[in-house]
C-alpha atoms as a PDB file:
ATOM      1  CA  MET A   1      20.123  30.832  25.991  1.00  0.00           C
ATOM      2  CA  GLU A   2      21.890  30.424  22.757  1.00  0.00           C
ATOM      3  CA  ARG A   3      22.200  26.665  23.320  1.00  0.00           C
ATOM      4  CA  LEU A   4      18.442  26.379  23.858  1.00  0.00           C
ATOM      5  CA  GLU A   5      17.824  28.272  20.651  1.00  0.00           C
ATOM      6  CA  GLU A   6      20.013  25.873  18.811  1.00  0.00           C
ATOM      7  CA  GLN A   7      18.282  22.840  20.266  1.00  0.00           C
ATOM      8  CA  ILE A   8      14.857  24.324  19.365  1.00  0.00           C
ATOM      9  CA  ALA A   9      16.071  24.942  15.796  1.00  0.00           C
ATOM     10  CA  HIS A  10      17.319  21.424  15.558  1.00  0.00           C
ATOM     11  CA  LEU A  11      14.045  20.060  16.924  1.00  0.00           C
ATOM     12  CA  ILE A  12      12.018  22.179  14.480  1.00  0.00           C
ATOM     13  CA  ARG A  13      14.131  20.823  11.550  1.00  0.00           C
ATOM     14  CA  THR A  14      13.629  17.302  12.815  1.00  0.00           C
ATOM     15  CA  LEU A  15       9.910  17.842  13.162  1.00  0.00           C
ATOM     16  CA  ASP A  16       9.756  19.231   9.578  1.00  0.00           C
ATOM     17  CA  ASP A  17      11.618  16.220   8.245  1.00  0.00           C
ATOM     18  CA  VAL A  18       9.339  13.778  10.064  1.00  0.00           C
ATOM     19  CA  SER A  19       6.248  15.708   8.799  1.00  0.00           C
ATOM     20  CA  ASP A  20       7.537  15.478   5.175  1.00  0.00           C
ATOM     21  CA  THR A  21       8.210  11.721   5.639  1.00  0.00           C
ATOM     22  CA  VAL A  22       4.701  11.117   7.033  1.00  0.00           C
ATOM     23  CA  ALA A  23       3.192  13.152   4.192  1.00  0.00           C
ATOM     24  CA  ARG A  24       5.076  11.090   1.584  1.00  0.00           C
ATOM     25  CA  GLN A  25       4.163   7.849   3.252  1.00  0.00           C
ATOM     26  CA  ASP A  26       0.522   8.897   3.363  1.00  0.00           C
ATOM     27  CA  ALA A  27       0.544   9.525  -0.417  1.00  0.00           C
ATOM     28  CA  GLU A  28       2.252   6.181  -1.002  1.00  0.00           C
ATOM     29  CA  ILE A  29      -0.275   4.334   1.185  1.00  0.00           C
ATOM     30  CA  ALA A  30      -3.128   5.977  -0.772  1.00  0.00           C
ATOM     31  CA  VAL A  31      -1.603   4.866  -4.082  1.00  0.00           C
ATOM     32  CA  LEU A  32      -1.052   1.279  -2.809  1.00  0.00           C
ATOM     33  CA  THR A  33      -4.572   1.178  -1.369  1.00  0.00           C
ATOM     34  CA  ARG A  34      -6.052   2.055  -4.770  1.00  0.00           C
ATOM     35  CA  ARG A  35      -3.886  -0.551  -6.488  1.00  0.00           C
ATOM     36  CA  VAL A  36      -4.953  -3.249  -4.063  1.00  0.00           C
ATOM     37  CA  GLU A  37      -8.576  -2.320  -4.519  1.00  0.00           C
ATOM     38  CA  MET A  38      -8.126  -2.471  -8.320  1.00  0.00           C
ATOM     39  CA  LEU A  39      -6.442  -5.891  -8.069  1.00  0.00           C
ATOM     40  CA  MET A  40      -9.243  -7.146  -5.805  1.00  0.00           C
ATOM     41  CA  ARG A  41     -11.894  -6.038  -8.248  1.00  0.00           C
ATOM     42  CA  ARG A  42      -9.969  -7.566 -11.186  1.00  0.00           C
ATOM     43  CA  GLU A  43      -9.561 -10.865  -9.289  1.00  0.00           C
ATOM     44  CA  ALA A  44     -13.273 -10.908  -8.388  1.00  0.00           C
ATOM     45  CA  GLU A  45     -14.264 -10.332 -12.033  1.00  0.00           C
ATOM     46  CA  ARG A  46     -11.902 -13.135 -13.086  1.00  0.00           C
ATOM     47  CA  ASP A  47     -13.470 -15.434 -10.507  1.00  0.00           C
ATOM     48  CA  GLU A  48     -16.984 -14.508 -11.777  1.00  0.00           C
ATOM     49  CA  GLY A  49     -15.809 -15.187 -15.356  1.00  0.00           C
ATOM     50  CA  ALA A  50     -14.435 -18.533 -14.553  1.00  0.00           C
ATOM     51  CA  GLY A  51     -17.824 -19.735 -13.382  1.00  0.00           C
ATOM     52  CA  GLY A  52     -16.563 -20.689 -10.040  1.00  0.00           C
ATOM     53  CA  SER A  53     -14.773 -23.783 -11.195  1.00  0.00           C
ATOM     54  CA  VAL A  54     -11.738 -24.746  -9.176  1.00  0.00           C
ATOM     55  CA  ALA A  55      -9.375 -27.614 -10.084  1.00  0.00           C
ATOM     56  CA  MET A  56      -9.131 -29.975  -7.126  1.00  0.00           C
ATOM     57  CA  GLY A  57      -5.928 -31.901  -6.286  1.00  0.00           C
ATOM     58  CA  SER A  58      -6.746 -35.058  -8.257  1.00  0.00           C
ATOM     59  CA  GLU A  59      -8.587 -33.400 -11.172  1.00  0.00           C
ATOM     60  CA  ARG A  60      -6.822 -32.568 -14.383  1.00  0.00           C
ATOM     61  CA  PRO A  61      -6.990 -28.908 -15.403  1.00  0.00           C
ATOM     62  CA  PRO A  62      -9.057 -28.241 -18.562  1.00  0.00           C
ATOM     63  CA  HIS A  63      -6.018 -27.674 -20.819  1.00  0.00           C
ATOM     64  CA  TYR A  64      -4.889 -31.392 -20.618  1.00  0.00           C
END
């Protein structure tokens, strides 16, 4: 019986550790998702500001 109690205690500790890890990863994913969304908006604004001009392979960029 004592051995089972030890195993249960170990499993509970492992479960708590996994739960903490999942909670931390969830918070990190939320932060990263917000950053990606911000970068996507920023890039979309930059594309709109550029007037949709894209330098093709043989064209010289405007700074030449």
